[in-house]
């Protein structure tokens, strides 16, 4: 079998109205040294300038 390069799977997570918020949450989780709770993520996003309408 000849295999080509994998292009990945298109996730529903990164499409639609909440795509910007989902990307922001994924970046927060990736950059965090420790696991974050839902409330901690909420506080971080709510404190960011320009992102208050998400929370």
PDB file of N, CA and C in Angstrom:
ATOM      1  N   UNK A   1       0.828  -1.186   0.000  1.00  0.00           N
ATOM      2  CA  UNK A   1       0.000   0.000   0.000  1.00  0.00           C
ATOM      3  C   UNK A   1       0.872   1.249   0.000  1.00  0.00           C
ATOM      4  N   UNK A   2       0.569   2.124  -0.892  1.00  0.00           N
ATOM      5  CA  UNK A   2       1.292   3.391  -0.948  1.00  0.00           C
ATOM      6  C   UNK A   2       0.552   4.414  -0.108  1.00  0.00           C
ATOM      7  N   UNK A   3       1.230   4.930   0.878  1.00  0.00           N
ATOM      8  CA  UNK A   3       0.587   5.906   1.763  1.00  0.00           C
ATOM      9  C   UNK A   3       1.066   7.313   1.458  1.00  0.00           C
ATOM     10  N   UNK A   4       0.135   8.221   1.394  1.00  0.00           N
ATOM     11  CA  UNK A   4       0.488   9.617   1.185  1.00  0.00           C
ATOM     12  C   UNK A   4       0.646  10.317   2.526  1.00  0.00           C
ATOM     13  N   UNK A   5       0.956  11.569   2.461  1.00  0.00           N
ATOM     14  CA  UNK A   5       1.079  12.340   3.692  1.00  0.00           C
ATOM     15  C   UNK A   5      -0.300  12.534   4.314  1.00  0.00           C
ATOM     16  N   UNK A   6      -0.346  12.411   5.610  1.00  0.00           N
ATOM     17  CA  UNK A   6      -1.600  12.610   6.335  1.00  0.00           C
ATOM     18  C   UNK A   6      -1.876  14.106   6.431  1.00  0.00           C
ATOM     19  N   UNK A   7      -3.029  14.507   6.040  1.00  0.00           N
ATOM     20  CA  UNK A   7      -3.398  15.918   6.108  1.00  0.00           C
ATOM     21  C   UNK A   7      -4.153  16.246   7.384  1.00  0.00           C
ATOM     22  N   UNK A   8      -4.390  15.250   8.216  1.00  0.00           N
ATOM     23  CA  UNK A   8      -5.107  15.488   9.459  1.00  0.00           C
ATOM     24  C   UNK A   8      -6.603  15.428   9.263  1.00  0.00           C
ATOM     25  N   UNK A   9      -7.288  15.625  10.318  1.00  0.00           N
ATOM     26  CA  UNK A   9      -8.741  15.582  10.312  1.00  0.00           C
ATOM     27  C   UNK A   9      -9.284  16.958  10.628  1.00  0.00           C
ATOM     28  N   UNK A  10     -10.244  17.402   9.848  1.00  0.00           N
ATOM     29  CA  UNK A  10     -10.866  18.692  10.128  1.00  0.00           C
ATOM     30  C   UNK A  10     -11.805  18.517  11.316  1.00  0.00           C
ATOM     31  N   UNK A  11     -11.533  19.267  12.365  1.00  0.00           N
ATOM     32  CA  UNK A  11     -12.326  19.168  13.579  1.00  0.00           C
ATOM     33  C   UNK A  11     -13.462  20.177  13.572  1.00  0.00           C
ATOM     34  N   UNK A  12     -14.614  19.777  14.043  1.00  0.00           N
ATOM     35  CA  UNK A  12     -15.736  20.690  14.187  1.00  0.00           C
ATOM     36  C   UNK A  12     -15.435  21.739  15.256  1.00  0.00           C
ATOM     37  N   UNK A  13     -14.494  21.413  16.114  1.00  0.00           N
ATOM     38  CA  UNK A  13     -14.118  22.295  17.212  1.00  0.00           C
ATOM     39  C   UNK A  13     -13.653  23.651  16.704  1.00  0.00           C
ATOM     40  N   UNK A  14     -12.990  23.687  15.552  1.00  0.00           N
ATOM     41  CA  UNK A  14     -12.425  24.919  15.035  1.00  0.00           C
ATOM     42  C   UNK A  14     -13.211  25.481  13.867  1.00  0.00           C
ATOM     43  N   UNK A  15     -14.508  25.307  13.877  1.00  0.00           N
ATOM     44  CA  UNK A  15     -15.340  25.903  12.841  1.00  0.00           C
ATOM     45  C   UNK A  15     -16.601  26.450  13.480  1.00  0.00           C
ATOM     46  N   UNK A  16     -17.163  27.438  12.871  1.00  0.00           N
ATOM     47  CA  UNK A  16     -18.397  27.999  13.390  1.00  0.00           C
ATOM     48  C   UNK A  16     -18.163  29.235  14.247  1.00  0.00           C
ATOM     49  N   UNK A  17     -19.208  29.611  14.999  1.00  0.00           N
ATOM     50  CA  UNK A  17     -19.199  30.846  15.769  1.00  0.00           C
ATOM     51  C   UNK A  17     -18.166  30.862  16.887  1.00  0.00           C
ATOM     52  N   UNK A  18     -17.952  29.741  17.532  1.00  0.00           N
ATOM     53  CA  UNK A  18     -17.085  29.710  18.707  1.00  0.00           C
ATOM     54  C   UNK A  18     -15.642  29.340  18.386  1.00  0.00           C
ATOM     55  N   UNK A  19     -15.260  29.391  17.121  1.00  0.00           N
ATOM     56  CA  UNK A  19     -13.912  28.972  16.721  1.00  0.00           C
ATOM     57  C   UNK A  19     -12.831  29.802  17.413  1.00  0.00           C
ATOM     58  N   UNK A  20     -13.030  31.095  17.500  1.00  0.00           N
ATOM     59  CA  UNK A  20     -12.021  31.968  18.122  1.00  0.00           C
ATOM     60  C   UNK A  20     -11.842  31.636  19.601  1.00  0.00           C
ATOM     61  N   UNK A  21     -12.935  31.431  20.295  1.00  0.00           N
ATOM     62  CA  UNK A  21     -12.871  31.082  21.717  1.00  0.00           C
ATOM     63  C   UNK A  21     -12.222  29.717  21.911  1.00  0.00           C
ATOM     64  N   UNK A  22     -12.561  28.750  21.086  1.00  0.00           N
ATOM     65  CA  UNK A  22     -11.973  27.409  21.201  1.00  0.00           C
ATOM     66  C   UNK A  22     -10.469  27.445  20.980  1.00  0.00           C
ATOM     67  N   UNK A  23     -10.023  28.220  19.999  1.00  0.00           N
ATOM     68  CA  UNK A  23      -8.581  28.345  19.754  1.00  0.00           C
ATOM     69  C   UNK A  23      -7.885  28.994  20.937  1.00  0.00           C
ATOM     70  N   UNK A  24      -8.519  30.000  21.518  1.00  0.00           N
ATOM     71  CA  UNK A  24      -7.954  30.678  22.677  1.00  0.00           C
ATOM     72  C   UNK A  24      -7.823  29.729  23.865  1.00  0.00           C
ATOM     73  N   UNK A  25      -8.858  28.931  24.107  1.00  0.00           N
ATOM     74  CA  UNK A  25      -8.820  27.960  25.207  1.00  0.00           C
ATOM     75  C   UNK A  25      -7.737  26.924  24.968  1.00  0.00           C
ATOM     76  N   UNK A  26      -7.607  26.433  23.744  1.00  0.00           N
ATOM     77  CA  UNK A  26      -6.569  25.443  23.449  1.00  0.00           C
ATOM     78  C   UNK A  26      -5.180  26.026  23.656  1.00  0.00           C
ATOM     79  N   UNK A  27      -4.960  27.285  23.268  1.00  0.00           N
ATOM     80  CA  UNK A  27      -3.668  27.931  23.496  1.00  0.00           C
ATOM     81  C   UNK A  27      -3.382  28.091  24.979  1.00  0.00           C
ATOM     82  N   UNK A  28      -4.412  28.452  25.755  1.00  0.00           N
ATOM     83  CA  UNK A  28      -4.237  28.577  27.206  1.00  0.00           C
ATOM     84  C   UNK A  28      -3.846  27.243  27.828  1.00  0.00           C
ATOM     85  N   UNK A  29      -4.532  26.192  27.432  1.00  0.00           N
ATOM     86  CA  UNK A  29      -4.238  24.879  27.998  1.00  0.00           C
ATOM     87  C   UNK A  29      -2.856  24.386  27.598  1.00  0.00           C
ATOM     88  N   UNK A  30      -2.454  24.688  26.379  1.00  0.00           N
ATOM     89  CA  UNK A  30      -1.138  24.252  25.897  1.00  0.00           C
ATOM     90  C   UNK A  30      -0.009  24.999  26.606  1.00  0.00           C
ATOM     91  N   UNK A  31      -0.215  26.285  26.878  1.00  0.00           N
ATOM     92  CA  UNK A  31       0.838  27.092  27.482  1.00  0.00           C
ATOM     93  C   UNK A  31       0.902  26.950  29.002  1.00  0.00           C
ATOM     94  N   UNK A  32      -0.119  26.373  29.593  1.00  0.00           N
ATOM     95  CA  UNK A  32      -0.166  26.239  31.042  1.00  0.00           C
ATOM     96  C   UNK A  32       0.726  25.099  31.516  1.00  0.00           C
ATOM     97  N   UNK A  33       1.432  25.329  32.597  1.00  0.00           N
ATOM     98  CA  UNK A  33       2.297  24.302  33.177  1.00  0.00           C
ATOM     99  C   UNK A  33       1.477  23.279  33.969  1.00  0.00           C
ATOM    100  N   UNK A  34       0.343  23.716  34.509  1.00  0.00           N
ATOM    101  CA  UNK A  34      -0.516  22.837  35.301  1.00  0.00           C
ATOM    102  C   UNK A  34      -1.907  22.806  34.680  1.00  0.00           C
ATOM    103  N   UNK A  35      -2.694  21.798  34.983  1.00  0.00           N
ATOM    104  CA  UNK A  35      -4.065  21.751  34.469  1.00  0.00           C
ATOM    105  C   UNK A  35      -4.903  22.924  34.997  1.00  0.00           C
ATOM    106  N   UNK A  36      -5.799  23.409  34.174  1.00  0.00           N
ATOM    107  CA  UNK A  36      -6.664  24.522  34.563  1.00  0.00           C
ATOM    108  C   UNK A  36      -8.103  24.040  34.705  1.00  0.00           C
ATOM    109  N   UNK A  37      -8.804  24.603  35.666  1.00  0.00           N
ATOM    110  CA  UNK A  37     -10.225  24.297  35.821  1.00  0.00           C
ATOM    111  C   UNK A  37     -11.026  25.217  34.902  1.00  0.00           C
ATOM    112  N   UNK A  38     -12.318  24.930  34.762  1.00  0.00           N
ATOM    113  CA  UNK A  38     -13.181  25.766  33.931  1.00  0.00           C
ATOM    114  C   UNK A  38     -13.217  27.190  34.452  1.00  0.00           C
ATOM    115  N   UNK A  39     -13.273  27.339  35.774  1.00  0.00           N
ATOM    116  CA  UNK A  39     -13.360  28.673  36.364  1.00  0.00           C
ATOM    117  C   UNK A  39     -12.063  29.456  36.160  1.00  0.00           C
ATOM    118  N   UNK A  40     -10.920  28.784  36.235  1.00  0.00           N
ATOM    119  CA  UNK A  40      -9.640  29.460  36.003  1.00  0.00           C
ATOM    120  C   UNK A  40      -9.546  29.949  34.561  1.00  0.00           C
ATOM    121  N   UNK A  41      -9.993  29.135  33.621  1.00  0.00           N
ATOM    122  CA  UNK A  41     -10.004  29.552  32.211  1.00  0.00           C
ATOM    123  C   UNK A  41     -10.937  30.735  32.024  1.00  0.00           C
ATOM    124  N   UNK A  42     -12.102  30.682  32.660  1.00  0.00           N
ATOM    125  CA  UNK A  42     -13.069  31.782  32.600  1.00  0.00           C
ATOM    126  C   UNK A  42     -12.450  33.081  33.115  1.00  0.00           C
ATOM    127  N   UNK A  43     -11.751  33.015  34.261  1.00  0.00           N
ATOM    128  CA  UNK A  43     -11.144  34.207  34.844  1.00  0.00           C
ATOM    129  C   UNK A  43     -10.059  34.780  33.931  1.00  0.00           C
ATOM    130  N   UNK A  44      -9.257  33.921  33.313  1.00  0.00           N
ATOM    131  CA  UNK A  44      -8.192  34.385  32.422  1.00  0.00           C
ATOM    132  C   UNK A  44      -8.792  35.074  31.195  1.00  0.00           C
ATOM    133  N   UNK A  45      -9.791  34.437  30.580  1.00  0.00           N
ATOM    134  CA  UNK A  45     -10.410  35.002  29.378  1.00  0.00           C
ATOM    135  C   UNK A  45     -11.154  36.286  29.704  1.00  0.00           C
ATOM    136  N   UNK A  46     -11.845  36.315  30.833  1.00  0.00           N
ATOM    137  CA  UNK A  46     -12.596  37.500  31.223  1.00  0.00           C
ATOM    138  C   UNK A  46     -11.659  38.666  31.522  1.00  0.00           C
ATOM    139  N   UNK A  47     -10.442  38.383  31.967  1.00  0.00           N
ATOM    140  CA  UNK A  47      -9.483  39.427  32.263  1.00  0.00           C
ATOM    141  C   UNK A  47      -8.765  39.965  31.040  1.00  0.00           C
ATOM    142  N   UNK A  48      -8.825  39.247  29.925  1.00  0.00           N
ATOM    143  CA  UNK A  48      -8.144  39.692  28.707  1.00  0.00           C
ATOM    144  C   UNK A  48      -8.929  40.818  28.039  1.00  0.00           C
ATOM    145  N   UNK A  49      -8.192  41.791  27.560  1.00  0.00           N
ATOM    146  CA  UNK A  49      -8.829  42.901  26.861  1.00  0.00           C
ATOM    147  C   UNK A  49      -9.292  42.421  25.486  1.00  0.00           C
ATOM    148  N   UNK A  50     -10.507  42.697  25.121  1.00  0.00           N
ATOM    149  CA  UNK A  50     -11.029  42.318  23.815  1.00  0.00           C
ATOM    150  C   UNK A  50     -11.699  40.955  23.780  1.00  0.00           C
ATOM    151  N   UNK A  51     -11.676  40.222  24.890  1.00  0.00           N
ATOM    152  CA  UNK A  51     -12.274  38.887  24.920  1.00  0.00           C
ATOM    153  C   UNK A  51     -13.410  38.786  25.921  1.00  0.00           C
ATOM    154  N   UNK A  52     -13.860  39.895  26.453  1.00  0.00           N
ATOM    155  CA  UNK A  52     -14.871  39.848  27.512  1.00  0.00           C
ATOM    156  C   UNK A  52     -16.235  39.370  27.022  1.00  0.00           C
ATOM    157  N   UNK A  53     -16.543  39.550  25.754  1.00  0.00           N
ATOM    158  CA  UNK A  53     -17.852  39.136  25.258  1.00  0.00           C
ATOM    159  C   UNK A  53     -17.977  37.623  25.136  1.00  0.00           C
ATOM    160  N   UNK A  54     -16.866  36.878  25.233  1.00  0.00           N
ATOM    161  CA  UNK A  54     -16.921  35.427  25.171  1.00  0.00           C
ATOM    162  C   UNK A  54     -17.469  34.836  26.464  1.00  0.00           C
ATOM    163  N   UNK A  55     -17.028  35.390  27.572  1.00  0.00           N
ATOM    164  CA  UNK A  55     -17.349  34.795  28.872  1.00  0.00           C
ATOM    165  C   UNK A  55     -18.680  35.247  29.404  1.00  0.00           C
TER     166      UNK A  55
END
